[in-house]
Amino acid sequence: MSVQFKMIPKKNSLVSPPETKYYPCAVSKGEVNLDDLARIVASRTTMSRPDCFGVIMALSDVIGESLANGNIVRIDNLGTFQLNLTGTPADTEAALGKSNIKAAKINYKPSKDLKTRMKRITYKRMR
C-alpha cells in the first residue's frame, strides 16, 4: 500500500520577484484510535481486545508518569520519549528558577527499526 500525497503551493516573498514552489504533502486516509489499536493487537496476539485496551492505556499512563519523574522512556522497537523544556532566559545562573520554565514538551525519536520501515514506504501522487 502506498502513502498518497498532493502538491501544495507555497509562496516565497523573501525573494524578488516572489516565486511559488510546490511541495509534497501527505494525505491522511483516516485515523486509528485506541479501540482500533486494541482490536488490531488482539488479532495478532493471544490477548483479548479488552486486555490489549488495558495494556495500551496503562502504557500511556506509565510513559507520562516516567517523563514527569524526569526519566527517558525507551521502547526498543518504537523509539525514545524524552522531556524538553522551553522557557525564558535569566541574566545569571542564580536568577534561573522554575518561573523561567514556560512549557514541557515531549521529544520523540523513532527507533532504527521504525526509521527503516519509513524508508520502505512507497508514494503515490493524487491527481
N, C-alpha and C. Protein backbone atom coordinates (compact mmCIF):
# COMPACT_ATOMS: atom_id res chain seq x y z
N MET A 1 0.84 -1.17 0.00
CA MET A 1 0.00 0.00 0.00
C MET A 1 0.89 1.24 0.00
N SER A 2 0.43 2.27 -0.69
CA SER A 2 1.21 3.49 -0.83
C SER A 2 0.64 4.61 0.02
N VAL A 3 1.50 5.54 0.37
CA VAL A 3 1.08 6.77 1.03
C VAL A 3 0.77 7.76 -0.08
N GLN A 4 -0.43 8.31 -0.05
CA GLN A 4 -0.80 9.28 -1.07
C GLN A 4 -0.33 10.67 -0.65
N PHE A 5 0.02 11.47 -1.66
CA PHE A 5 0.43 12.85 -1.39
C PHE A 5 -0.13 13.76 -2.46
N LYS A 6 -0.22 15.04 -2.08
CA LYS A 6 -0.65 16.05 -3.04
C LYS A 6 0.37 17.18 -3.02
N MET A 7 0.31 18.01 -4.01
CA MET A 7 1.24 19.12 -4.11
C MET A 7 0.60 20.38 -3.52
N ILE A 8 1.35 21.07 -2.68
CA ILE A 8 0.88 22.29 -2.03
C ILE A 8 1.76 23.45 -2.50
N PRO A 9 1.13 24.50 -3.05
CA PRO A 9 1.94 25.66 -3.45
C PRO A 9 2.27 26.53 -2.23
N LYS A 10 3.51 27.00 -2.18
CA LYS A 10 3.93 27.91 -1.12
C LYS A 10 4.69 29.06 -1.77
N LYS A 11 4.28 30.26 -1.41
CA LYS A 11 4.88 31.45 -2.00
C LYS A 11 6.03 31.93 -1.13
N ASN A 12 7.17 32.21 -1.75
CA ASN A 12 8.34 32.75 -1.07
C ASN A 12 8.41 34.24 -1.37
N SER A 13 8.02 35.06 -0.40
CA SER A 13 8.02 36.51 -0.59
C SER A 13 9.37 37.14 -0.25
N LEU A 14 10.31 36.34 0.23
CA LEU A 14 11.62 36.87 0.60
C LEU A 14 12.52 37.10 -0.60
N VAL A 15 12.18 36.51 -1.73
CA VAL A 15 12.98 36.70 -2.94
C VAL A 15 12.26 37.70 -3.84
N SER A 16 13.03 38.30 -4.70
CA SER A 16 12.43 39.27 -5.63
C SER A 16 12.71 38.80 -7.04
N PRO A 17 11.73 38.61 -7.86
CA PRO A 17 10.30 38.69 -7.58
C PRO A 17 9.84 37.46 -6.78
N PRO A 18 8.72 37.60 -6.05
CA PRO A 18 8.20 36.45 -5.28
C PRO A 18 7.95 35.25 -6.19
N GLU A 19 8.29 34.08 -5.69
CA GLU A 19 8.11 32.87 -6.50
C GLU A 19 7.32 31.83 -5.73
N THR A 20 6.61 31.01 -6.48
CA THR A 20 5.83 29.93 -5.89
C THR A 20 6.53 28.61 -6.19
N LYS A 21 6.71 27.81 -5.16
CA LYS A 21 7.27 26.46 -5.30
C LYS A 21 6.21 25.48 -4.82
N TYR A 22 6.31 24.24 -5.27
CA TYR A 22 5.34 23.22 -4.89
C TYR A 22 6.03 22.15 -4.04
N TYR A 23 5.37 21.81 -2.95
CA TYR A 23 5.92 20.85 -2.00
C TYR A 23 4.95 19.69 -1.80
N PRO A 24 5.50 18.48 -1.59
CA PRO A 24 4.62 17.33 -1.34
C PRO A 24 4.03 17.40 0.08
N CYS A 25 2.80 16.97 0.21
CA CYS A 25 2.10 16.93 1.50
C CYS A 25 1.34 15.61 1.59
N ALA A 26 1.59 14.83 2.63
CA ALA A 26 0.92 13.54 2.80
C ALA A 26 -0.57 13.75 3.00
N VAL A 27 -1.37 12.86 2.41
CA VAL A 27 -2.81 12.89 2.55
C VAL A 27 -3.23 11.73 3.45
N SER A 28 -3.88 12.06 4.55
CA SER A 28 -4.30 11.05 5.51
C SER A 28 -5.48 10.26 4.97
N LYS A 29 -5.49 8.97 5.23
CA LYS A 29 -6.61 8.12 4.83
C LYS A 29 -7.60 7.95 5.97
N GLY A 30 -7.30 8.51 7.11
CA GLY A 30 -8.17 8.36 8.27
C GLY A 30 -7.36 8.36 9.54
N GLU A 31 -7.95 7.80 10.56
CA GLU A 31 -7.34 7.80 11.88
C GLU A 31 -7.52 6.43 12.52
N VAL A 32 -6.53 6.00 13.27
CA VAL A 32 -6.62 4.77 14.04
C VAL A 32 -6.67 5.18 15.50
N ASN A 33 -7.76 4.86 16.18
CA ASN A 33 -7.91 5.25 17.58
C ASN A 33 -7.53 4.11 18.51
N LEU A 34 -7.67 4.35 19.80
CA LEU A 34 -7.28 3.36 20.80
C LEU A 34 -8.04 2.04 20.64
N ASP A 35 -9.32 2.11 20.38
CA ASP A 35 -10.12 0.90 20.20
C ASP A 35 -9.64 0.11 18.99
N ASP A 36 -9.32 0.83 17.90
CA ASP A 36 -8.80 0.17 16.70
C ASP A 36 -7.47 -0.52 17.00
N LEU A 37 -6.58 0.20 17.69
CA LEU A 37 -5.28 -0.39 18.05
C LEU A 37 -5.46 -1.66 18.88
N ALA A 38 -6.35 -1.61 19.86
CA ALA A 38 -6.59 -2.77 20.72
C ALA A 38 -7.12 -3.95 19.90
N ARG A 39 -8.02 -3.67 18.97
CA ARG A 39 -8.57 -4.74 18.12
C ARG A 39 -7.49 -5.35 17.23
N ILE A 40 -6.64 -4.50 16.64
CA ILE A 40 -5.58 -4.98 15.75
C ILE A 40 -4.56 -5.80 16.53
N VAL A 41 -4.14 -5.29 17.68
CA VAL A 41 -3.17 -6.03 18.51
C VAL A 41 -3.76 -7.36 18.95
N ALA A 42 -5.03 -7.35 19.35
CA ALA A 42 -5.68 -8.59 19.79
C ALA A 42 -5.72 -9.62 18.67
N SER A 43 -5.91 -9.16 17.43
CA SER A 43 -5.97 -10.09 16.30
C SER A 43 -4.62 -10.73 16.00
N ARG A 44 -3.54 -10.11 16.49
CA ARG A 44 -2.19 -10.61 16.22
C ARG A 44 -1.56 -11.31 17.42
N THR A 45 -2.29 -11.37 18.52
CA THR A 45 -1.76 -11.99 19.73
C THR A 45 -2.81 -12.93 20.33
N THR A 46 -2.49 -13.52 21.46
CA THR A 46 -3.46 -14.38 22.15
C THR A 46 -4.27 -13.58 23.18
N MET A 47 -4.04 -12.28 23.25
CA MET A 47 -4.77 -11.44 24.20
C MET A 47 -6.12 -11.02 23.63
N SER A 48 -7.06 -10.75 24.52
CA SER A 48 -8.37 -10.25 24.09
C SER A 48 -8.30 -8.75 23.83
N ARG A 49 -9.30 -8.21 23.13
CA ARG A 49 -9.34 -6.78 22.85
C ARG A 49 -9.37 -5.96 24.13
N PRO A 50 -10.20 -6.31 25.12
CA PRO A 50 -10.18 -5.54 26.37
C PRO A 50 -8.83 -5.59 27.08
N ASP A 51 -8.16 -6.74 27.03
CA ASP A 51 -6.83 -6.84 27.64
C ASP A 51 -5.85 -5.90 26.94
N CYS A 52 -5.87 -5.90 25.61
CA CYS A 52 -4.99 -5.03 24.83
C CYS A 52 -5.31 -3.56 25.12
N PHE A 53 -6.59 -3.24 25.20
CA PHE A 53 -7.01 -1.89 25.53
C PHE A 53 -6.41 -1.45 26.86
N GLY A 54 -6.51 -2.31 27.86
CA GLY A 54 -5.96 -2.01 29.18
C GLY A 54 -4.46 -1.83 29.16
N VAL A 55 -3.76 -2.69 28.42
CA VAL A 55 -2.30 -2.60 28.35
C VAL A 55 -1.88 -1.30 27.68
N ILE A 56 -2.56 -0.93 26.58
CA ILE A 56 -2.21 0.30 25.87
C ILE A 56 -2.48 1.51 26.77
N MET A 57 -3.61 1.51 27.47
CA MET A 57 -3.92 2.61 28.40
C MET A 57 -2.88 2.70 29.51
N ALA A 58 -2.51 1.56 30.07
CA ALA A 58 -1.51 1.54 31.15
C ALA A 58 -0.16 2.01 30.63
N LEU A 59 0.22 1.60 29.42
CA LEU A 59 1.48 2.03 28.83
C LEU A 59 1.51 3.55 28.68
N SER A 60 0.41 4.10 28.21
CA SER A 60 0.31 5.55 28.06
C SER A 60 0.49 6.25 29.41
N ASP A 61 -0.17 5.73 30.44
CA ASP A 61 -0.05 6.30 31.78
C ASP A 61 1.39 6.21 32.30
N VAL A 62 2.01 5.05 32.11
CA VAL A 62 3.37 4.84 32.63
C VAL A 62 4.37 5.73 31.90
N ILE A 63 4.20 5.92 30.60
CA ILE A 63 5.09 6.81 29.85
C ILE A 63 4.97 8.23 30.42
N GLY A 64 3.74 8.70 30.63
CA GLY A 64 3.54 10.03 31.19
C GLY A 64 4.13 10.18 32.57
N GLU A 65 3.93 9.20 33.42
CA GLU A 65 4.47 9.23 34.78
C GLU A 65 6.00 9.22 34.76
N SER A 66 6.57 8.39 33.90
CA SER A 66 8.03 8.28 33.82
C SER A 66 8.65 9.58 33.34
N LEU A 67 8.04 10.22 32.34
CA LEU A 67 8.54 11.51 31.87
C LEU A 67 8.42 12.57 32.95
N ALA A 68 7.30 12.56 33.68
CA ALA A 68 7.09 13.52 34.76
C ALA A 68 8.09 13.33 35.90
N ASN A 69 8.64 12.13 36.03
CA ASN A 69 9.66 11.85 37.04
C ASN A 69 11.07 12.12 36.54
N GLY A 70 11.18 12.65 35.30
CA GLY A 70 12.49 13.00 34.76
C GLY A 70 13.22 11.88 34.06
N ASN A 71 12.52 10.80 33.75
CA ASN A 71 13.15 9.67 33.07
C ASN A 71 13.00 9.77 31.56
N ILE A 72 13.94 9.15 30.86
CA ILE A 72 13.83 8.94 29.42
C ILE A 72 13.14 7.59 29.26
N VAL A 73 12.17 7.49 28.37
CA VAL A 73 11.45 6.24 28.14
C VAL A 73 11.89 5.67 26.80
N ARG A 74 12.51 4.48 26.83
CA ARG A 74 12.98 3.83 25.62
C ARG A 74 12.19 2.54 25.41
N ILE A 75 11.48 2.48 24.29
CA ILE A 75 10.74 1.28 23.90
C ILE A 75 11.44 0.78 22.64
N ASP A 76 12.16 -0.33 22.76
CA ASP A 76 13.10 -0.77 21.74
C ASP A 76 12.62 -0.64 20.30
N ASN A 77 11.49 -1.22 19.95
CA ASN A 77 11.05 -1.20 18.55
C ASN A 77 10.24 0.04 18.18
N LEU A 78 9.95 0.88 19.14
CA LEU A 78 9.16 2.08 18.88
C LEU A 78 10.01 3.33 18.87
N GLY A 79 10.80 3.54 19.90
CA GLY A 79 11.65 4.72 19.96
C GLY A 79 11.81 5.23 21.38
N THR A 80 12.27 6.48 21.47
CA THR A 80 12.59 7.08 22.75
C THR A 80 11.76 8.35 22.95
N PHE A 81 11.23 8.50 24.17
CA PHE A 81 10.49 9.69 24.56
C PHE A 81 11.30 10.40 25.64
N GLN A 82 11.44 11.72 25.49
CA GLN A 82 12.23 12.48 26.45
C GLN A 82 11.59 13.85 26.63
N LEU A 83 11.64 14.37 27.84
CA LEU A 83 11.08 15.67 28.15
C LEU A 83 12.02 16.78 27.68
N ASN A 84 11.46 17.84 27.13
CA ASN A 84 12.20 19.02 26.70
C ASN A 84 11.50 20.23 27.28
N LEU A 85 12.27 21.14 27.88
CA LEU A 85 11.69 22.32 28.48
C LEU A 85 11.91 23.54 27.60
N THR A 86 10.90 24.42 27.54
CA THR A 86 11.06 25.72 26.88
C THR A 86 10.84 26.78 27.94
N GLY A 87 11.55 27.88 27.79
CA GLY A 87 11.41 28.93 28.79
C GLY A 87 12.12 30.20 28.41
N THR A 88 12.19 31.08 29.38
CA THR A 88 12.83 32.37 29.17
C THR A 88 14.22 32.36 29.79
N PRO A 89 15.12 33.14 29.24
CA PRO A 89 16.48 33.17 29.78
C PRO A 89 16.56 33.98 31.07
N ALA A 90 17.61 33.73 31.82
CA ALA A 90 17.90 34.50 33.03
C ALA A 90 19.25 35.18 32.85
N ASP A 91 19.42 36.32 33.49
CA ASP A 91 20.68 37.07 33.35
C ASP A 91 21.84 36.37 34.03
N THR A 92 21.54 35.65 35.11
CA THR A 92 22.59 34.92 35.83
C THR A 92 22.09 33.52 36.15
N GLU A 93 23.03 32.65 36.45
CA GLU A 93 22.68 31.28 36.81
C GLU A 93 21.85 31.25 38.09
N ALA A 94 22.18 32.13 39.03
CA ALA A 94 21.47 32.19 40.31
C ALA A 94 20.02 32.66 40.12
N ALA A 95 19.78 33.47 39.09
CA ALA A 95 18.44 34.01 38.85
C ALA A 95 17.53 33.01 38.13
N LEU A 96 18.10 31.93 37.62
CA LEU A 96 17.33 30.93 36.89
C LEU A 96 16.53 30.08 37.86
N GLY A 97 15.22 30.00 37.64
CA GLY A 97 14.36 29.22 38.52
C GLY A 97 13.19 28.64 37.76
N LYS A 98 12.31 27.98 38.50
CA LYS A 98 11.18 27.33 37.83
C LYS A 98 10.24 28.32 37.18
N SER A 99 10.27 29.58 37.58
CA SER A 99 9.43 30.60 36.93
C SER A 99 9.89 30.87 35.50
N ASN A 100 11.12 30.48 35.16
CA ASN A 100 11.61 30.65 33.80
C ASN A 100 11.07 29.58 32.85
N ILE A 101 10.55 28.50 33.40
CA ILE A 101 10.03 27.41 32.57
C ILE A 101 8.62 27.74 32.12
N LYS A 102 8.41 27.74 30.82
CA LYS A 102 7.10 28.07 30.26
C LYS A 102 6.30 26.84 29.85
N ALA A 103 6.98 25.80 29.41
CA ALA A 103 6.27 24.60 28.97
C ALA A 103 7.21 23.41 28.95
N ALA A 104 6.61 22.24 29.08
CA ALA A 104 7.34 20.99 28.91
C ALA A 104 6.78 20.32 27.65
N LYS A 105 7.68 19.89 26.79
CA LYS A 105 7.27 19.21 25.56
C LYS A 105 7.90 17.84 25.53
N ILE A 106 7.32 16.97 24.73
CA ILE A 106 7.86 15.62 24.61
C ILE A 106 8.59 15.50 23.28
N ASN A 107 9.86 15.13 23.35
CA ASN A 107 10.63 14.82 22.15
C ASN A 107 10.50 13.33 21.89
N TYR A 108 10.22 12.98 20.66
CA TYR A 108 10.14 11.57 20.28
C TYR A 108 11.19 11.31 19.22
N LYS A 109 11.99 10.28 19.43
CA LYS A 109 12.99 9.86 18.46
C LYS A 109 12.68 8.42 18.07
N PRO A 110 12.30 8.19 16.82
CA PRO A 110 11.94 6.83 16.42
C PRO A 110 13.14 5.88 16.48
N SER A 111 12.83 4.60 16.67
CA SER A 111 13.87 3.57 16.71
C SER A 111 14.45 3.35 15.32
N LYS A 112 15.59 2.67 15.26
CA LYS A 112 16.21 2.36 13.97
C LYS A 112 15.27 1.50 13.13
N ASP A 113 14.58 0.56 13.79
CA ASP A 113 13.63 -0.31 13.09
C ASP A 113 12.52 0.50 12.45
N LEU A 114 11.97 1.45 13.18
CA LEU A 114 10.90 2.28 12.66
C LEU A 114 11.40 3.17 11.53
N LYS A 115 12.61 3.71 11.66
CA LYS A 115 13.20 4.53 10.59
C LYS A 115 13.37 3.70 9.32
N THR A 116 13.81 2.44 9.50
CA THR A 116 13.98 1.55 8.35
C THR A 116 12.64 1.31 7.66
N ARG A 117 11.59 1.12 8.45
CA ARG A 117 10.25 0.92 7.88
C ARG A 117 9.81 2.15 7.08
N MET A 118 10.13 3.33 7.57
CA MET A 118 9.74 4.57 6.89
C MET A 118 10.46 4.71 5.55
N LYS A 119 11.67 4.17 5.45
CA LYS A 119 12.43 4.24 4.20
C LYS A 119 11.82 3.33 3.12
N ARG A 120 11.03 2.33 3.55
CA ARG A 120 10.43 1.40 2.60
C ARG A 120 9.05 1.83 2.11
N ILE A 121 8.58 2.98 2.59
CA ILE A 121 7.26 3.47 2.16
C ILE A 121 7.31 3.82 0.68
N THR A 122 6.24 3.48 -0.01
CA THR A 122 6.10 3.91 -1.40
C THR A 122 5.08 5.04 -1.43
N TYR A 123 5.18 5.88 -2.44
CA TYR A 123 4.34 7.06 -2.52
C TYR A 123 3.60 7.11 -3.84
N LYS A 124 2.38 7.66 -3.79
CA LYS A 124 1.56 7.79 -4.97
C LYS A 124 0.94 9.18 -4.97
N ARG A 125 1.17 9.91 -6.05
CA ARG A 125 0.62 11.27 -6.14
C ARG A 125 -0.86 11.26 -6.49
N MET A 126 -1.61 12.07 -5.75
CA MET A 126 -3.05 12.22 -6.05
C MET A 126 -3.20 13.21 -7.20
N ARG A 127 -4.15 12.98 -8.01
CA ARG A 127 -4.40 13.90 -9.14
C ARG A 127 -5.61 14.74 -8.88
